[in-house]
N, C-alpha and C. Protein backbone atom coordinates (compact mmCIF):
# COMPACT_ATOMS: atom_id res chain seq x y z
N MET A 1 -18.24 -23.31 5.56
CA MET A 1 -18.50 -21.96 4.85
C MET A 1 -19.06 -21.44 6.14
N PRO A 2 -17.82 -19.87 6.06
CA PRO A 2 -17.39 -19.35 7.08
C PRO A 2 -18.74 -18.52 7.43
N ASN A 3 -19.59 -17.93 8.56
CA ASN A 3 -20.68 -16.89 8.77
C ASN A 3 -20.44 -15.66 8.31
N LEU A 4 -21.36 -15.26 7.48
CA LEU A 4 -21.16 -14.22 6.68
C LEU A 4 -21.17 -12.80 7.49
N ARG A 5 -20.27 -11.89 7.47
CA ARG A 5 -20.42 -10.80 8.57
C ARG A 5 -20.35 -9.23 7.27
N THR A 6 -21.15 -8.38 7.69
CA THR A 6 -21.11 -6.99 7.12
C THR A 6 -19.80 -6.41 7.55
N THR A 7 -19.64 -5.51 6.16
CA THR A 7 -18.34 -4.51 6.22
C THR A 7 -19.33 -3.23 7.19
N PRO A 8 -18.25 -2.57 7.76
CA PRO A 8 -19.14 -1.68 8.61
C PRO A 8 -19.41 -0.47 7.64
N SER A 9 -20.83 0.24 7.92
CA SER A 9 -21.09 1.26 7.18
C SER A 9 -20.53 2.64 7.14
N LYS A 10 -20.00 3.43 6.28
CA LYS A 10 -19.99 4.89 6.38
C LYS A 10 -19.99 5.38 7.55
N GLU A 11 -21.73 5.67 7.86
CA GLU A 11 -21.97 6.37 9.12
C GLU A 11 -21.18 5.94 10.16
N HIS A 12 -21.26 4.44 10.71
CA HIS A 12 -20.68 3.98 11.88
C HIS A 12 -19.33 4.48 11.70
N ILE A 13 -18.35 4.36 10.56
CA ILE A 13 -17.30 4.48 11.02
C ILE A 13 -16.38 6.11 11.09
N LEU A 14 -17.44 7.24 10.55
CA LEU A 14 -17.92 8.34 10.94
C LEU A 14 -17.46 8.73 12.96
N LEU A 15 -18.35 7.55 13.32
CA LEU A 15 -18.21 7.81 14.86
C LEU A 15 -17.29 7.49 15.36
N LEU A 16 -16.35 7.14 15.07
CA LEU A 16 -14.89 6.08 15.45
C LEU A 16 -13.80 6.99 15.44
N GLN A 17 -12.91 6.89 16.48
CA GLN A 17 -12.07 7.93 16.97
C GLN A 17 -11.13 7.35 15.94
N PRO A 18 -10.02 8.38 15.59
CA PRO A 18 -9.34 9.14 14.32
C PRO A 18 -8.17 7.27 14.70
N PHE A 19 -7.95 7.36 13.55
CA PHE A 19 -6.50 5.50 13.63
C PHE A 19 -5.19 6.25 14.06
N GLU A 20 -4.36 6.07 14.65
CA GLU A 20 -3.22 7.14 14.69
C GLU A 20 -2.28 6.56 13.62
N ARG A 21 -1.73 7.82 12.80
CA ARG A 21 -1.15 7.65 11.53
C ARG A 21 0.19 8.28 11.75
N LEU A 22 1.08 7.25 10.69
CA LEU A 22 2.90 7.67 10.94
C LEU A 22 2.70 9.41 10.54
N GLY A 23 3.58 9.65 11.45
CA GLY A 23 3.77 11.53 11.31
C GLY A 23 5.15 11.27 10.33
N MET A 24 5.43 12.69 9.75
CA MET A 24 6.32 12.71 8.94
C MET A 24 8.31 12.43 9.58
N GLU A 25 8.37 12.08 10.65
CA GLU A 25 9.11 11.70 11.65
C GLU A 25 9.42 9.99 11.37
N ARG A 26 8.28 9.93 10.72
CA ARG A 26 8.63 8.06 10.56
C ARG A 26 8.64 7.67 9.21
N ILE A 27 8.26 8.73 8.14
CA ILE A 27 8.37 8.44 6.70
C ILE A 27 9.48 9.16 6.11
N CYS A 28 9.88 8.37 5.03
CA CYS A 28 11.49 8.56 4.06
C CYS A 28 10.59 8.77 2.74
N LEU A 29 11.19 9.70 2.07
CA LEU A 29 10.95 10.13 0.82
C LEU A 29 11.95 9.36 0.30
N VAL A 30 12.01 8.54 -0.96
CA VAL A 30 12.80 7.68 -1.65
C VAL A 30 12.92 8.41 -3.05
N SER A 31 14.18 9.05 -3.34
CA SER A 31 13.86 9.49 -5.02
C SER A 31 15.78 9.51 -5.57
N THR A 32 16.33 8.94 -4.96
CA THR A 32 17.76 8.49 -5.45
C THR A 32 18.22 7.17 -5.37
N ALA A 33 19.06 6.84 -6.09
CA ALA A 33 19.58 5.27 -5.70
C ALA A 33 20.29 5.46 -4.50
N GLU A 34 20.67 6.36 -4.55
CA GLU A 34 22.02 6.00 -2.53
C GLU A 34 20.80 6.24 -1.43
N GLN A 35 19.22 6.84 -1.57
CA GLN A 35 18.70 6.39 -0.54
C GLN A 35 17.71 5.32 -0.63
N ALA A 36 17.49 5.04 -2.33
CA ALA A 36 16.63 3.50 -2.19
C ALA A 36 17.43 2.28 -1.52
N GLU A 37 18.92 2.45 -1.90
CA GLU A 37 19.54 1.30 -1.42
C GLU A 37 19.67 1.20 0.18
N LEU A 38 19.62 2.16 1.01
CA LEU A 38 19.12 2.26 2.04
C LEU A 38 17.93 2.27 2.67
N ALA A 39 16.80 1.96 2.07
CA ALA A 39 15.68 1.71 2.16
C ALA A 39 15.71 0.14 1.81
N ARG A 40 16.26 -0.24 0.79
CA ARG A 40 16.31 -1.28 0.64
C ARG A 40 16.82 -2.44 1.96
N ASP A 41 17.82 -2.12 2.02
CA ASP A 41 18.56 -2.91 3.31
C ASP A 41 17.97 -3.14 4.33
N GLU A 42 16.78 -1.95 4.82
CA GLU A 42 15.95 -1.97 5.94
C GLU A 42 14.58 -2.32 5.68
N LEU A 43 14.29 -2.86 4.63
CA LEU A 43 13.40 -3.20 4.47
C LEU A 43 13.21 -4.81 4.12
N LEU A 44 14.48 -5.19 3.55
CA LEU A 44 14.69 -6.58 3.37
C LEU A 44 14.88 -7.51 5.03
N ALA A 45 15.10 -6.71 5.76
CA ALA A 45 15.38 -7.28 7.38
C ALA A 45 13.69 -7.70 8.24
N THR A 46 12.88 -7.32 7.54
CA THR A 46 11.64 -7.46 7.29
C THR A 46 10.73 -8.27 6.96
N PRO A 47 9.93 -9.70 7.37
CA PRO A 47 9.23 -10.50 6.11
C PRO A 47 8.06 -10.21 5.33
N ALA A 48 7.15 -8.93 5.96
CA ALA A 48 6.06 -8.69 5.18
C ALA A 48 6.37 -7.20 5.11
N TRP A 49 6.02 -6.58 4.23
CA TRP A 49 5.41 -5.29 3.93
C TRP A 49 4.10 -4.47 3.73
N GLY A 50 4.08 -3.37 4.82
CA GLY A 50 2.51 -2.92 3.75
C GLY A 50 2.86 -2.26 2.11
N PHE A 51 1.73 -2.46 1.21
CA PHE A 51 1.95 -1.90 -0.06
C PHE A 51 1.36 -1.02 -0.94
N ASP A 52 0.96 -0.28 -1.44
CA ASP A 52 0.18 0.71 -2.18
C ASP A 52 1.04 1.15 -2.95
N THR A 53 0.39 1.87 -4.18
CA THR A 53 1.14 3.16 -5.29
C THR A 53 0.24 3.86 -5.08
N GLU A 54 0.51 5.20 -5.93
CA GLU A 54 -0.25 6.46 -6.15
C GLU A 54 0.33 6.79 -7.67
N SER A 55 -0.75 7.02 -8.36
CA SER A 55 -0.36 7.97 -9.96
C SER A 55 -0.96 8.31 -10.30
N LYS A 56 -0.69 9.63 -10.51
CA LYS A 56 -1.30 10.92 -11.51
C LYS A 56 -2.65 10.61 -11.87
N PRO A 57 -3.92 11.58 -11.63
CA PRO A 57 -4.96 11.37 -11.86
C PRO A 57 -5.56 11.18 -13.00
N THR A 58 -6.13 10.39 -13.93
CA THR A 58 -6.64 10.85 -14.99
C THR A 58 -7.94 11.99 -15.37
N PHE A 59 -8.25 12.53 -16.18
CA PHE A 59 -9.42 13.55 -16.04
C PHE A 59 -10.16 13.05 -17.48
N PHE A 60 -9.79 12.76 -18.54
CA PHE A 60 -10.74 12.51 -19.75
C PHE A 60 -10.93 11.00 -20.39
N LYS A 61 -12.10 10.55 -20.98
CA LYS A 61 -12.18 8.97 -21.22
C LYS A 61 -10.92 9.08 -22.03
N ASP A 62 -10.57 7.29 -21.65
CA ASP A 62 -9.90 6.72 -22.46
C ASP A 62 -7.99 7.62 -22.55
N GLN A 63 -8.16 8.86 -21.42
CA GLN A 63 -6.86 8.38 -21.38
C GLN A 63 -6.08 7.93 -20.32
N LEU A 64 -4.64 7.37 -20.44
CA LEU A 64 -4.11 6.30 -20.34
C LEU A 64 -3.37 7.04 -18.98
N SER A 65 -3.21 6.39 -17.73
CA SER A 65 -2.62 6.70 -17.15
C SER A 65 -0.92 6.01 -17.27
N ASP A 66 0.47 6.73 -16.61
CA ASP A 66 1.29 6.49 -16.86
C ASP A 66 1.84 6.34 -15.76
N GLY A 67 1.18 6.00 -14.84
CA GLY A 67 1.53 5.44 -13.72
C GLY A 67 2.10 4.20 -13.23
N PRO A 68 1.95 3.59 -12.67
CA PRO A 68 2.63 4.31 -10.68
C PRO A 68 3.72 5.42 -10.89
N HIS A 69 3.61 6.55 -10.19
CA HIS A 69 4.30 7.82 -9.89
C HIS A 69 5.17 7.20 -8.59
N THR A 70 4.38 6.68 -7.73
CA THR A 70 5.20 6.55 -6.59
C THR A 70 4.68 5.27 -6.07
N VAL A 71 5.72 4.23 -5.38
CA VAL A 71 5.62 2.75 -4.70
C VAL A 71 5.85 2.84 -3.49
N GLN A 72 4.67 2.71 -2.19
CA GLN A 72 5.00 3.34 -1.00
C GLN A 72 5.33 1.61 -0.32
N LEU A 73 6.12 1.10 0.48
CA LEU A 73 6.24 0.29 1.39
C LEU A 73 6.58 0.56 2.86
N SER A 74 6.14 0.18 3.62
CA SER A 74 5.95 0.20 5.04
C SER A 74 6.12 -0.74 5.79
N THR A 75 7.30 -0.83 6.93
CA THR A 75 7.11 -2.13 8.28
C THR A 75 6.11 -1.55 9.25
N LEU A 76 6.31 -1.77 10.47
CA LEU A 76 5.20 -1.36 11.49
C LEU A 76 6.07 -0.40 12.26
N ASP A 77 7.45 0.29 12.09
CA ASP A 77 7.71 1.10 12.55
C ASP A 77 8.27 2.53 11.29
N ARG A 78 8.05 2.11 10.17
CA ARG A 78 8.28 3.46 9.22
C ARG A 78 7.90 2.33 7.71
N ALA A 79 7.54 4.18 7.03
CA ALA A 79 7.28 3.55 5.91
C ALA A 79 8.22 4.19 4.69
N TRP A 80 8.39 3.97 3.47
CA TRP A 80 9.27 4.87 2.82
C TRP A 80 8.04 5.17 1.06
N VAL A 81 8.28 6.18 0.85
CA VAL A 81 7.49 6.79 -0.64
C VAL A 81 8.76 6.47 -1.75
N PHE A 82 8.63 5.88 -2.52
CA PHE A 82 9.66 5.69 -3.68
C PHE A 82 8.99 6.52 -4.88
N GLN A 83 9.56 7.78 -4.96
CA GLN A 83 9.51 8.06 -6.84
C GLN A 83 10.20 7.11 -8.05
N LEU A 84 9.41 7.56 -8.81
CA LEU A 84 10.22 6.28 -9.81
C LEU A 84 11.00 7.26 -11.12
N HIS A 85 11.16 8.71 -10.47
CA HIS A 85 11.82 9.36 -11.64
C HIS A 85 13.21 9.00 -12.14
N ASP A 86 14.05 8.76 -11.09
CA ASP A 86 15.23 8.17 -11.32
C ASP A 86 15.38 6.53 -11.47
N LEU A 87 15.76 6.49 -12.90
CA LEU A 87 16.00 4.88 -12.97
C LEU A 87 17.09 4.34 -12.15
N GLU A 88 17.64 4.55 -11.58
CA GLU A 88 18.26 3.58 -10.44
C GLU A 88 17.47 3.12 -9.50
N CYS A 89 16.95 4.53 -8.88
CA CYS A 89 15.57 4.11 -7.52
C CYS A 89 14.80 3.22 -8.23
N ARG A 90 14.90 3.39 -9.80
CA ARG A 90 13.42 2.62 -10.15
C ARG A 90 14.16 0.98 -10.22
N ALA A 91 14.87 0.70 -10.64
CA ALA A 91 15.92 -0.44 -10.41
C ALA A 91 15.68 -0.93 -9.06
N VAL A 92 16.01 -0.32 -8.28
CA VAL A 92 15.62 -1.06 -6.52
C VAL A 92 14.35 -1.49 -6.39
N VAL A 93 13.36 -0.32 -6.48
CA VAL A 93 12.00 -0.47 -6.40
C VAL A 93 11.57 -1.83 -6.89
N SER A 94 12.11 -2.06 -8.21
CA SER A 94 11.94 -3.39 -8.97
C SER A 94 12.54 -4.79 -8.28
N GLU A 95 13.79 -4.73 -7.81
CA GLU A 95 13.93 -5.56 -6.67
C GLU A 95 13.22 -6.15 -5.76
N LEU A 96 13.23 -5.16 -4.99
CA LEU A 96 11.99 -5.18 -3.95
C LEU A 96 10.78 -5.73 -4.28
N LEU A 97 10.27 -4.90 -4.97
CA LEU A 97 8.83 -6.36 -5.53
C LEU A 97 9.22 -7.26 -6.11
N LEU A 98 10.01 -7.38 -6.02
CA LEU A 98 10.24 -9.39 -6.57
C LEU A 98 11.13 -10.30 -5.47
N ALA A 99 11.31 -9.86 -4.47
CA ALA A 99 11.93 -10.07 -3.12
C ALA A 99 10.58 -11.23 -2.69
N ARG A 100 11.80 -12.33 -2.77
CA ARG A 100 11.26 -13.45 -2.00
C ARG A 100 11.77 -13.88 -0.51
N PRO A 101 11.09 -14.58 -0.05
CA PRO A 101 9.59 -14.47 -0.02
C PRO A 101 8.74 -13.74 1.14
N THR A 102 9.29 -12.15 1.11
CA THR A 102 8.72 -11.53 1.39
C THR A 102 7.27 -11.10 1.16
N VAL A 103 6.20 -11.09 1.75
CA VAL A 103 4.80 -10.42 1.50
C VAL A 103 4.40 -9.53 1.61
N LYS A 104 4.03 -9.10 0.18
CA LYS A 104 3.50 -7.15 0.17
C LYS A 104 2.03 -7.15 0.21
N ALA A 105 1.63 -6.76 1.51
CA ALA A 105 -0.19 -6.94 2.06
C ALA A 105 -0.48 -5.13 1.76
N GLY A 106 -1.57 -5.63 0.97
CA GLY A 106 -2.30 -4.40 0.42
C GLY A 106 -3.52 -4.43 0.05
N PHE A 107 -4.75 -3.55 -0.42
CA PHE A 107 -5.96 -3.52 -0.40
C PHE A 107 -6.51 -2.93 -2.27
N GLY A 108 -7.23 -4.17 -2.57
CA GLY A 108 -7.27 -3.63 -3.82
C GLY A 108 -6.44 -3.03 -4.94
N LEU A 109 -5.47 -4.72 -5.31
CA LEU A 109 -3.97 -4.01 -5.60
C LEU A 109 -4.34 -4.31 -7.10
N GLY A 110 -5.42 -5.04 -7.86
CA GLY A 110 -5.20 -5.69 -9.10
C GLY A 110 -4.76 -3.94 -10.08
N ASP A 111 -5.20 -3.38 -9.82
CA ASP A 111 -4.95 -2.06 -10.77
C ASP A 111 -3.53 -1.90 -10.73
N ASP A 112 -2.76 -1.92 -9.56
CA ASP A 112 -1.65 -1.15 -9.19
C ASP A 112 -0.97 -2.42 -9.48
N HIS A 113 -0.93 -3.89 -9.88
CA HIS A 113 -0.25 -4.52 -10.42
C HIS A 113 -0.30 -4.80 -11.80
N LYS A 114 -1.13 -4.03 -12.46
CA LYS A 114 -1.33 -3.70 -13.90
C LYS A 114 -0.03 -3.15 -14.50
N ARG A 115 -0.25 -1.30 -13.48
CA ARG A 115 0.76 -0.72 -13.83
C ARG A 115 2.20 -0.81 -13.28
N ILE A 116 2.62 -1.52 -12.62
CA ILE A 116 3.57 -1.80 -12.22
C ILE A 116 4.35 -2.75 -13.30
N VAL A 117 3.59 -3.85 -14.01
CA VAL A 117 3.96 -4.75 -14.87
C VAL A 117 4.20 -4.00 -16.10
N ALA A 118 3.22 -2.87 -16.22
CA ALA A 118 3.96 -1.62 -17.72
C ALA A 118 4.50 -1.00 -17.58
N LYS A 119 4.62 -0.39 -16.78
CA LYS A 119 5.95 0.62 -16.19
C LYS A 119 6.82 -0.38 -15.91
N LEU A 120 7.29 -1.05 -15.17
CA LEU A 120 8.78 -1.05 -14.64
C LEU A 120 9.03 -3.02 -15.32
N GLY A 121 8.04 -3.15 -16.09
CA GLY A 121 8.31 -4.56 -16.45
C GLY A 121 8.75 -5.74 -15.70
N VAL A 122 7.80 -5.91 -14.71
CA VAL A 122 8.43 -6.73 -13.44
C VAL A 122 7.08 -7.32 -13.08
N THR A 123 6.92 -8.35 -12.59
CA THR A 123 5.52 -9.20 -11.94
C THR A 123 6.05 -9.37 -10.27
N PRO A 124 5.21 -8.48 -9.63
CA PRO A 124 5.64 -8.46 -8.41
C PRO A 124 5.05 -9.41 -7.81
N ALA A 125 6.06 -10.33 -6.41
CA ALA A 125 6.01 -11.52 -6.29
C ALA A 125 5.58 -11.16 -4.76
N GLY A 126 4.68 -12.58 -4.53
CA GLY A 126 4.00 -12.37 -2.92
C GLY A 126 3.25 -11.24 -2.90
N VAL A 127 2.40 -10.81 -3.86
CA VAL A 127 1.92 -9.50 -3.25
C VAL A 127 0.03 -10.40 -2.62
N LEU A 128 -0.14 -9.66 -1.62
CA LEU A 128 -1.37 -10.16 -0.94
C LEU A 128 -2.37 -9.41 -0.74
N ASP A 129 -3.66 -9.18 -1.78
CA ASP A 129 -4.98 -8.16 -1.31
C ASP A 129 -5.18 -9.07 -0.19
N LEU A 130 -5.36 -7.78 0.92
CA LEU A 130 -6.13 -8.36 2.39
C LEU A 130 -7.64 -8.69 2.13
N ASN A 131 -8.27 -7.84 1.05
CA ASN A 131 -9.24 -8.21 0.63
C ASN A 131 -10.01 -10.26 0.65
N THR A 132 -8.69 -10.75 0.13
CA THR A 132 -8.77 -12.11 0.31
C THR A 132 -9.12 -12.80 1.43
N VAL A 133 -8.56 -12.36 2.62
CA VAL A 133 -8.37 -12.70 3.99
C VAL A 133 -9.75 -12.58 4.21
N PHE A 134 -10.00 -11.14 4.22
CA PHE A 134 -11.58 -11.14 4.90
C PHE A 134 -12.56 -11.59 4.42
N ARG A 135 -12.43 -12.02 2.97
CA ARG A 135 -13.71 -12.84 2.65
C ARG A 135 -13.59 -14.00 3.10
N ALA A 136 -12.30 -14.48 2.71
CA ALA A 136 -12.02 -16.29 3.66
C ALA A 136 -12.57 -16.08 4.95
N ARG A 137 -12.59 -15.13 5.81
CA ARG A 137 -13.30 -15.12 6.94
C ARG A 137 -14.68 -14.66 7.35
N GLY A 138 -14.89 -14.55 5.77
CA GLY A 138 -16.93 -14.27 5.82
C GLY A 138 -17.57 -12.74 5.92
N TYR A 139 -16.72 -12.01 5.04
CA TYR A 139 -17.03 -10.51 4.81
C TYR A 139 -17.56 -10.59 3.75
N ARG A 140 -18.53 -10.09 2.44
CA ARG A 140 -18.85 -10.28 1.69
C ARG A 140 -18.61 -9.05 0.77
N LYS A 141 -18.35 -7.75 1.30
CA LYS A 141 -18.29 -7.20 0.55
C LYS A 141 -16.33 -6.60 0.60
N ASP A 142 -15.84 -6.53 -0.92
CA ASP A 142 -14.21 -5.86 -0.63
C ASP A 142 -14.55 -4.80 0.64
N MET A 143 -13.22 -5.27 1.69
CA MET A 143 -13.54 -4.33 3.02
C MET A 143 -12.58 -2.94 2.50
N GLY A 144 -11.34 -2.48 2.04
CA GLY A 144 -10.97 -1.49 2.02
C GLY A 144 -10.38 -0.76 3.03
N VAL A 145 -9.27 -0.35 2.44
CA VAL A 145 -8.65 -0.02 4.05
C VAL A 145 -9.53 1.12 5.36
N LYS A 146 -10.47 2.10 4.82
CA LYS A 146 -11.38 2.56 6.14
C LYS A 146 -12.13 1.18 6.68
N GLY A 147 -13.07 0.42 5.95
CA GLY A 147 -13.43 -1.10 6.54
C GLY A 147 -12.51 -1.83 7.20
N ALA A 148 -10.92 -2.04 6.90
CA ALA A 148 -10.41 -2.80 7.33
C ALA A 148 -9.99 -2.42 9.38
N VAL A 149 -9.90 -1.02 8.89
CA VAL A 149 -9.37 -0.18 10.16
C VAL A 149 -10.40 -0.32 11.10
N ALA A 150 -11.94 0.03 10.60
CA ALA A 150 -12.64 0.11 11.48
C ALA A 150 -13.17 -1.31 12.32
N VAL A 151 -12.78 -2.54 11.06
CA VAL A 151 -13.05 -3.83 12.16
C VAL A 151 -11.63 -4.18 12.92
N MET A 152 -11.05 -3.99 12.83
CA MET A 152 -9.95 -4.78 13.59
C MET A 152 -9.24 -3.55 14.52
N PHE A 153 -9.36 -2.27 14.93
CA PHE A 153 -9.27 -1.21 15.39
C PHE A 153 -9.84 -0.35 15.98
N ASN A 154 -11.33 -0.78 15.19
CA ASN A 154 -12.35 0.04 15.98
C ASN A 154 -11.59 1.53 15.78
N ARG A 155 -11.26 1.98 14.88
CA ARG A 155 -10.94 3.57 14.63
C ARG A 155 -11.08 4.00 13.14
N ARG A 156 -11.01 5.14 12.81
CA ARG A 156 -11.62 5.57 11.63
C ARG A 156 -10.44 6.10 10.49
N PHE A 157 -10.17 5.42 9.79
CA PHE A 157 -8.56 6.14 9.05
C PHE A 157 -9.24 7.03 8.20
N LEU A 158 -7.87 8.03 8.19
CA LEU A 158 -8.45 9.69 7.58
C LEU A 158 -7.77 9.22 6.17
N LYS A 159 -8.83 9.80 5.13
CA LYS A 159 -7.69 10.39 3.88
C LYS A 159 -8.51 11.75 3.24
N SER A 160 -7.05 12.18 2.66
CA SER A 160 -7.88 13.32 1.95
C SER A 160 -8.13 13.51 0.28
N LYS A 161 -9.37 13.79 -0.29
CA LYS A 161 -9.53 13.43 -1.22
C LYS A 161 -8.83 14.65 -2.04
N LYS A 162 -7.82 15.63 -1.34
CA LYS A 162 -7.04 16.58 -1.99
C LYS A 162 -6.02 16.06 -2.47
N ALA A 163 -5.84 15.28 -1.29
CA ALA A 163 -4.35 14.85 -1.95
C ALA A 163 -4.22 13.19 -2.65
N ALA A 164 -5.46 12.82 -2.63
CA ALA A 164 -5.57 11.65 -3.36
C ALA A 164 -5.66 12.25 -4.74
N THR A 165 -6.15 13.11 -5.29
CA THR A 165 -6.30 13.33 -6.40
C THR A 165 -5.38 14.70 -6.95
N SER A 166 -3.91 14.61 -6.15
CA SER A 166 -2.96 15.65 -6.61
C SER A 166 -1.83 15.23 -7.81
N ASN A 167 -1.00 15.99 -8.05
CA ASN A 167 -0.28 15.36 -9.04
C ASN A 167 0.85 14.60 -8.25
N TRP A 168 0.74 13.11 -8.43
CA TRP A 168 1.53 12.15 -7.49
C TRP A 168 2.99 12.26 -8.74
N ALA A 169 2.50 13.32 -9.97
CA ALA A 169 4.18 13.01 -10.93
C ALA A 169 5.11 13.44 -10.79
N ALA A 170 4.56 14.52 -9.57
CA ALA A 170 5.35 16.18 -9.97
C ALA A 170 6.90 15.40 -9.02
N LEU A 171 7.71 16.56 -9.69
CA LEU A 171 9.13 16.01 -8.87
C LEU A 171 9.25 16.40 -7.39
N HIS A 172 8.54 17.28 -6.64
CA HIS A 172 8.46 17.38 -5.25
C HIS A 172 7.03 17.40 -4.91
N LEU A 173 7.09 16.01 -3.92
CA LEU A 173 5.60 16.40 -3.18
C LEU A 173 5.67 16.54 -1.70
N SER A 174 4.18 17.08 -1.83
CA SER A 174 3.94 17.77 -0.36
C SER A 174 4.07 16.88 0.51
N GLU A 175 4.10 17.34 1.81
CA GLU A 175 4.07 16.95 2.67
C GLU A 175 2.96 15.70 3.03
N ALA A 176 1.55 16.29 3.16
CA ALA A 176 0.36 15.95 2.73
C ALA A 176 0.47 14.97 1.87
N GLN A 177 0.92 14.81 0.47
CA GLN A 177 1.38 13.95 -0.03
C GLN A 177 2.11 12.75 0.58
N LEU A 178 2.85 12.97 0.89
CA LEU A 178 3.61 11.79 1.62
C LEU A 178 3.09 11.57 2.76
N VAL A 179 2.44 12.16 3.88
CA VAL A 179 1.50 11.84 4.82
C VAL A 179 0.33 10.52 4.45
N TYR A 180 -0.35 11.33 3.56
CA TYR A 180 -1.71 9.89 2.71
C TYR A 180 -0.84 9.02 1.82
N ALA A 181 0.05 9.05 1.27
CA ALA A 181 0.46 7.87 0.41
C ALA A 181 1.77 6.62 1.41
N ALA A 182 1.99 7.40 2.40
CA ALA A 182 2.73 6.45 3.32
C ALA A 182 2.18 5.65 4.32
N ASN A 183 0.58 6.13 4.55
CA ASN A 183 -0.03 5.71 5.65
C ASN A 183 -0.79 4.53 5.06
N ASP A 184 -1.20 4.47 3.68
CA ASP A 184 -1.90 3.55 2.89
C ASP A 184 -1.13 2.24 3.03
N ALA A 185 -0.01 2.63 2.87
CA ALA A 185 0.63 0.96 3.05
C ALA A 185 0.93 0.83 4.88
N TYR A 186 1.30 1.98 5.45
CA TYR A 186 1.23 1.22 6.80
C TYR A 186 -0.08 0.92 7.79
N ALA A 187 -1.28 1.41 6.78
CA ALA A 187 -2.21 0.73 7.50
C ALA A 187 -2.47 -1.08 7.16
N ALA A 188 -2.17 -1.15 5.72
CA ALA A 188 -1.90 -1.91 5.40
C ALA A 188 -1.20 -3.46 6.40
N ILE A 189 -0.18 -2.59 6.68
CA ILE A 189 0.85 -3.84 7.36
C ILE A 189 0.49 -3.86 8.35
N ARG A 190 -0.21 -2.82 9.24
CA ARG A 190 -0.93 -3.12 10.68
C ARG A 190 -2.16 -3.95 10.71
N VAL A 191 -2.91 -3.92 9.50
CA VAL A 191 -3.76 -4.83 9.24
C VAL A 191 -3.96 -6.19 9.04
N PHE A 192 -2.43 -6.26 8.20
CA PHE A 192 -2.27 -7.79 7.82
C PHE A 192 -1.88 -8.41 9.17
N HIS A 193 -1.04 -7.87 10.00
CA HIS A 193 -0.26 -8.41 11.62
C HIS A 193 -1.27 -8.60 12.50
N ALA A 194 -2.62 -7.92 12.96
CA ALA A 194 -3.68 -7.69 13.28
C ALA A 194 -4.47 -8.98 12.90
N LEU A 195 -4.18 -9.38 11.93
CA LEU A 195 -5.47 -10.25 11.21
C LEU A 195 -4.44 -11.87 11.71
N ASN A 196 -3.49 -11.91 12.08
CA ASN A 196 -2.55 -12.81 12.38
C ASN A 196 -2.39 -13.24 11.09
N VAL A 197 -2.45 -13.30 10.33
CA VAL A 197 -2.01 -13.96 8.90
C VAL A 197 -0.54 -15.05 9.01
N ASP A 198 -0.45 -16.21 8.60
CA ASP A 198 1.26 -16.80 9.05
C ASP A 198 1.75 -15.73 7.86
N VAL A 199 2.99 -15.25 7.92
CA VAL A 199 3.73 -14.69 7.02
C VAL A 199 4.09 -15.59 5.86
N PHE A 200 4.80 -16.67 6.19
CA PHE A 200 5.14 -17.78 5.55
C PHE A 200 4.17 -18.66 4.88
N ALA A 201 2.95 -18.75 5.35
CA ALA A 201 2.06 -19.50 4.35
C ALA A 201 1.31 -18.10 3.30
N ALA A 202 1.41 -17.03 3.20
CA ALA A 202 0.60 -15.52 3.31
C ALA A 202 1.12 -15.35 1.91
N SER A 203 2.48 -15.65 1.70
CA SER A 203 2.54 -15.30 0.07
C SER A 203 2.32 -16.29 -0.76
N PRO A 204 1.52 -15.77 -1.54
CA PRO A 204 0.98 -15.86 -2.91
C PRO A 204 1.50 -16.43 -4.48
N ALA A 205 1.12 -17.68 -5.16
CA ALA A 205 2.07 -17.23 -6.09
C ALA A 205 2.32 -16.41 -6.95
N ASP A 206 3.07 -16.41 -7.80
CA ASP A 206 3.89 -15.44 -8.58
C ASP A 206 2.15 -14.99 -9.70
N GLY A 207 1.98 -14.01 -10.34
CA GLY A 207 1.30 -13.68 -10.67
C GLY A 207 -0.44 -13.58 -9.92
N GLU A 208 -0.24 -13.93 -9.08
CA GLU A 208 -1.99 -14.25 -8.45
C GLU A 208 -2.15 -12.79 -7.69
């Protein structure tokens, strides 16, 4: 049984220097089939991606979300923010989520998984919730992206509450939204590689 380790406290994380995020020059907004096909070709050249989604927030009890409204995939070099308004773009996203043996690594992906199945009708293959890796290495609580970045890089991951609760279903996303969405996926792939996970052993069975 691994030695139990503690997740960094919020107070500790606040004292750290900021994590270096992707700027707009390394973030691609994808909203058309042509853009999606270009992104697909570049993504399929790498064996693992950071993965996250964003949905327009709900504000009332029992209000159902029709998200996700964006899907983010990232390599170590750049990130793509896919909007799902265009049906052909959506089809390419579905194809990427089904790609094998590519690993899609992220944090707390249970809700994302359910929404993707409901909206796109596909069950993503090779999804790896990085919290499972941290638990296997002795961390008792779910790490989350902020805790993981603190542990692996001794840096503070910046997240904007304003961007988090913004309208992700909008046809035109702001620069702040794109930076927020892209960097969640980018941080995930950075953590994945820092953990030195075997890419070919990391892809879980479908449905896990």
